[in-house]
Amino acid sequence: MARLPRSVVPGLPHVVIHRGLTGQSTFVDDTDRLAYRQALIQAARETGVAVHGYGLHSDEVRLLVTPSAPQSLGTMMQSVGRRYVRTFNLRHGRSGTPWEGRFRSTVIDAPEWLMRCLQYAESCGAGDPSATEWVVSAGDPRCSSAGHHLGLCMDEGVTEHALFWALGNTPFDREVAYRRVLMQALPQDTIERIRNATLKGWALGSPAFAKSIGALTGRRLEPMARGRPALNSAPTQRSV
């Protein structure tokens, strides 16, 4: 079955998931994560992609980004892959790729979903209330962009979205507000909706949002309704 073309809408935020091969770590330690982060920063600058948040998990990468052109996102991820895989394999004496396949992504309705997607990218697990401790542990907090959003470090690779700035009038206000966000675990159904939409390429938002983005991209961005279409039950008139 042919793959559907990836839908990328310039100027709108997208969630990205790049999964590792089953049974193989994409990051062995923080040195690997920092190598990936550096590759991400360089590639994002070269391709015009704003990185709003990221989480470098042991088995996958999660990103929240806004591309500036239709081809920007794919070009960035290809560049990151080339740079990181070379470094990873040389360091660990491996060959091939640690990734399962191509990355998955979807466009999101920012006012409704951006903060939840940022939390999803940066948190360590499904609804884990200890996520903040994970991202700011004794290791380098730059393994996730949460350290930047909590005011614990300055991350040159992060471009804060306007909706993050809306959390408060000062950096301190925004940091306090976002700490409250992180400490409230995402509901499991919210996590599943973000993940399913990203892995399947469905727009993350209302049906009206999905239809509007589908009109822009020329492809359907929401699942079809289950079951057969309803039959027209109106009686037909017989000609005399």
Protein backbone atom coordinates (compact mmCIF):
# COMPACT_ATOMS: atom_id res chain seq x y z
CA MET A 1 0.00 0.00 0.00
CA ALA A 2 1.45 3.38 -1.03
CA ARG A 3 2.28 5.84 1.68
CA LEU A 4 0.20 8.98 1.92
CA PRO A 5 2.22 12.13 1.23
CA ARG A 6 3.23 13.90 4.42
CA SER A 7 1.23 17.09 4.99
CA VAL A 8 3.34 20.06 6.04
CA VAL A 9 1.75 23.48 6.43
CA PRO A 10 4.27 26.35 6.66
CA GLY A 11 3.72 28.67 9.58
CA LEU A 12 1.74 26.19 11.68
CA PRO A 13 3.17 24.03 14.50
CA HIS A 14 3.69 20.30 13.96
CA VAL A 15 4.32 17.38 16.29
CA VAL A 16 7.08 14.98 15.16
CA ILE A 17 7.77 11.47 16.46
CA HIS A 18 10.81 9.49 15.27
CA ARG A 19 10.81 6.02 16.79
CA GLY A 20 13.82 3.84 17.41
CA LEU A 21 14.21 0.25 16.29
CA THR A 22 12.53 -2.23 18.60
CA GLY A 23 14.98 -3.44 21.22
CA GLN A 24 17.62 -0.82 20.39
CA SER A 25 18.21 2.46 22.21
CA THR A 26 18.32 5.59 20.11
CA PHE A 27 20.33 7.23 22.90
CA VAL A 28 22.69 5.25 25.10
CA ASP A 29 23.55 8.19 27.38
CA ASP A 30 23.50 11.97 27.69
CA THR A 31 26.49 12.29 25.35
CA ASP A 32 24.36 10.80 22.58
CA ARG A 33 21.47 13.13 23.43
CA LEU A 34 23.70 16.19 23.30
CA ALA A 35 25.06 15.05 19.92
CA TYR A 36 21.49 14.77 18.61
CA ARG A 37 20.57 18.14 20.06
CA GLN A 38 23.53 19.79 18.32
CA ALA A 39 22.60 18.16 15.02
CA LEU A 40 18.99 19.36 15.50
CA ILE A 41 20.06 22.96 16.20
CA GLN A 42 22.26 23.10 13.11
CA ALA A 43 19.73 21.49 10.81
CA ALA A 44 16.86 23.66 12.07
CA ARG A 45 18.84 26.83 11.40
CA GLU A 46 19.81 25.71 7.92
CA THR A 47 16.27 24.75 6.90
CA GLY A 48 14.24 27.49 8.55
CA VAL A 49 12.42 25.36 11.12
CA ALA A 50 11.56 26.85 14.52
CA VAL A 51 11.99 24.28 17.31
CA HIS A 52 9.57 25.07 20.14
CA GLY A 53 10.26 21.96 22.22
CA TYR A 54 11.87 18.54 22.18
CA GLY A 55 12.27 15.39 24.26
CA LEU A 56 15.07 12.91 23.55
CA HIS A 57 13.71 9.69 25.02
CA SER A 58 15.53 6.37 25.12
CA ASP A 59 13.34 4.87 22.40
CA GLU A 60 12.19 7.88 20.37
CA VAL A 61 12.47 11.59 19.66
CA ARG A 62 9.51 13.94 20.09
CA LEU A 63 9.59 17.43 18.61
CA LEU A 64 7.28 20.44 18.45
CA VAL A 65 8.28 22.59 15.48
CA THR A 66 7.05 25.15 12.95
CA PRO A 67 8.46 24.83 9.42
CA SER A 68 8.84 27.88 7.19
CA ALA A 69 8.32 26.02 3.88
CA PRO A 70 6.64 22.77 2.76
CA GLN A 71 9.97 20.98 2.31
CA SER A 72 11.64 22.38 5.44
CA LEU A 73 10.56 19.69 7.88
CA GLY A 74 11.63 16.72 5.76
CA THR A 75 14.93 18.36 4.85
CA MET A 76 15.66 19.10 8.51
CA MET A 77 14.95 15.55 9.65
CA GLN A 78 17.10 14.08 6.85
CA SER A 79 19.96 16.36 7.86
CA VAL A 80 19.63 15.46 11.55
CA GLY A 81 19.57 11.77 10.67
CA ARG A 82 22.71 11.91 8.56
CA ARG A 83 24.66 13.82 11.20
CA TYR A 84 23.49 11.90 14.24
CA VAL A 85 23.64 8.36 12.82
CA ARG A 86 27.24 8.89 11.71
CA THR A 87 28.24 10.12 15.17
CA PHE A 88 26.24 7.42 16.97
CA ASN A 89 27.69 4.55 14.94
CA LEU A 90 31.28 5.77 15.22
CA ARG A 91 30.97 6.18 18.96
CA HIS A 92 29.38 2.79 19.62
CA GLY A 93 30.97 0.72 16.87
CA ARG A 94 27.68 0.04 15.13
CA SER A 95 26.36 0.14 11.58
CA GLY A 96 23.02 0.87 10.01
CA THR A 97 20.44 3.12 11.62
CA PRO A 98 18.93 3.16 15.12
CA TRP A 99 15.62 4.42 13.68
CA GLU A 100 12.58 2.32 12.87
CA GLY A 101 11.92 4.13 9.59
CA ARG A 102 10.78 7.55 8.44
CA PHE A 103 9.62 10.06 11.01
CA ARG A 104 5.90 10.68 11.61
CA SER A 105 4.33 14.11 11.94
CA THR A 106 1.11 16.07 11.93
CA VAL A 107 -0.06 19.68 11.96
CA ILE A 108 -1.84 20.91 15.09
CA ASP A 109 -4.42 23.54 15.96
CA ALA A 110 -2.14 25.72 18.08
CA PRO A 111 -4.62 27.55 20.36
CA GLU A 112 -6.14 24.26 21.52
CA TRP A 113 -3.21 21.85 21.39
CA LEU A 114 0.17 23.58 21.52
CA MET A 115 0.72 23.56 25.28
CA ARG A 116 -0.45 19.97 25.59
CA CYS A 117 1.85 18.90 22.75
CA LEU A 118 4.77 20.75 24.34
CA GLN A 119 4.15 18.91 27.59
CA TYR A 120 3.87 15.62 25.71
CA ALA A 121 7.22 16.18 24.01
CA GLU A 122 9.02 17.09 27.21
CA SER A 123 7.48 14.67 29.70
CA CYS A 124 9.06 11.28 30.32
CA GLY A 125 6.05 9.05 30.03
CA ALA A 126 2.34 8.57 29.79
CA GLY A 127 0.87 10.77 32.47
CA ASP A 128 3.89 10.55 34.74
CA PRO A 129 3.62 13.31 37.40
CA SER A 130 7.37 13.05 38.06
CA ALA A 131 8.18 14.31 34.56
CA THR A 132 9.72 17.53 35.85
CA GLU A 133 12.25 15.63 37.96
CA TRP A 134 13.19 13.57 34.92
CA VAL A 135 13.90 16.47 32.63
CA VAL A 136 15.89 18.45 35.22
CA SER A 137 17.76 15.56 36.80
CA ALA A 138 21.43 15.50 37.72
CA GLY A 139 22.20 14.90 34.04
CA ASP A 140 22.26 17.68 31.46
CA PRO A 141 18.77 19.27 31.40
CA ARG A 142 19.20 19.96 27.68
CA CYS A 143 18.15 16.38 27.02
CA SER A 144 14.74 18.04 26.99
CA SER A 145 13.75 21.63 26.30
CA ALA A 146 11.88 21.74 29.63
CA GLY A 147 15.01 23.05 31.33
CA HIS A 148 14.83 26.10 29.08
CA HIS A 149 11.12 26.64 29.66
CA LEU A 150 11.59 26.32 33.43
CA GLY A 151 14.40 28.89 33.46
CA LEU A 152 17.12 26.40 34.46
CA CYS A 153 19.27 26.94 31.36
CA MET A 154 19.32 28.93 28.13
CA ASP A 155 18.81 26.69 25.12
CA GLU A 156 19.95 28.39 21.93
CA GLY A 157 18.03 25.89 19.85
CA VAL A 158 14.59 26.74 21.24
CA THR A 159 12.28 29.34 19.70
CA GLU A 160 9.47 30.04 22.15
CA HIS A 161 6.03 30.03 20.58
CA ALA A 162 3.74 33.04 21.05
CA LEU A 163 1.37 30.88 23.10
CA PHE A 164 4.16 30.10 25.54
CA TRP A 165 4.81 33.83 25.94
CA ALA A 166 1.11 34.25 26.70
CA LEU A 167 1.63 32.30 29.94
CA GLY A 168 2.98 35.42 31.67
CA ASN A 169 4.31 38.94 31.25
CA THR A 170 7.83 38.17 32.49
CA PRO A 171 10.19 35.20 32.09
CA PHE A 172 9.67 34.35 35.76
CA ASP A 173 5.87 34.39 35.37
CA ARG A 174 6.11 32.08 32.35
CA GLU A 175 8.48 29.70 34.12
CA VAL A 176 6.21 29.42 37.16
CA ALA A 177 3.14 28.92 34.98
CA TYR A 178 4.83 26.23 32.92
CA ARG A 179 6.06 24.40 35.99
CA ARG A 180 2.41 24.15 37.04
CA VAL A 181 1.59 22.78 33.58
CA LEU A 182 4.25 20.08 33.80
CA MET A 183 3.20 18.98 37.26
CA GLN A 184 -0.33 18.24 36.02
CA ALA A 185 -0.17 14.86 34.30
CA LEU A 186 -1.66 14.69 30.82
CA PRO A 187 -4.78 12.51 30.72
CA GLN A 188 -4.20 9.18 29.03
CA ASP A 189 -6.80 9.89 26.34
CA THR A 190 -5.01 13.15 25.50
CA ILE A 191 -1.69 11.32 25.16
CA GLU A 192 -3.28 8.70 22.93
CA ARG A 193 -4.92 11.30 20.73
CA ILE A 194 -1.65 13.20 20.23
CA ARG A 195 0.25 10.01 19.50
CA ASN A 196 -2.35 8.47 17.18
CA ALA A 197 -2.75 11.68 15.20
CA THR A 198 1.01 12.03 14.78
CA LEU A 199 1.68 8.42 13.82
CA LYS A 200 -1.22 8.35 11.35
CA GLY A 201 -0.82 11.87 9.96
CA TRP A 202 -4.28 13.09 11.00
CA ALA A 203 -4.58 16.80 11.78
CA LEU A 204 -4.78 17.41 15.52
CA GLY A 205 -7.73 19.70 16.13
CA SER A 206 -11.43 20.06 15.51
CA PRO A 207 -13.16 18.57 12.44
CA ALA A 208 -13.39 22.09 11.02
CA PHE A 209 -9.62 22.53 11.47
CA ALA A 210 -8.91 19.19 9.78
CA LYS A 211 -11.13 20.11 6.82
CA SER A 212 -9.50 23.53 6.42
CA ILE A 213 -6.00 22.02 6.45
CA GLY A 214 -7.13 19.27 4.08
CA ALA A 215 -8.31 21.94 1.64
CA LEU A 216 -4.86 23.58 1.81
CA THR A 217 -2.89 20.38 1.34
CA GLY A 218 -5.19 18.57 -1.07
CA ARG A 219 -5.55 15.41 1.02
CA ARG A 220 -7.86 14.12 3.71
CA LEU A 221 -6.50 14.78 7.21
CA GLU A 222 -9.11 13.05 9.34
CA PRO A 223 -10.23 9.41 9.52
CA MET A 224 -13.29 8.40 7.58
CA ALA A 225 -16.46 7.74 9.54
CA ARG A 226 -16.88 4.09 10.43
CA GLY A 227 -19.58 1.98 8.81
CA ARG A 228 -21.34 2.23 5.49
CA PRO A 229 -22.90 5.49 4.31
CA ALA A 230 -26.54 5.82 5.21
CA LEU A 231 -28.90 4.94 2.40
CA ASN A 232 -31.38 7.50 1.17
CA SER A 233 -34.61 6.28 2.72
CA ALA A 234 -36.86 8.77 0.95
CA PRO A 235 -39.47 7.00 -1.22
CA THR A 236 -39.03 7.30 -4.94
CA GLN A 237 -41.92 8.40 -7.13
CA ARG A 238 -43.02 6.16 -9.92
CA SER A 239 -43.82 7.74 -13.19
CA VAL A 240 -47.33 7.15 -14.44
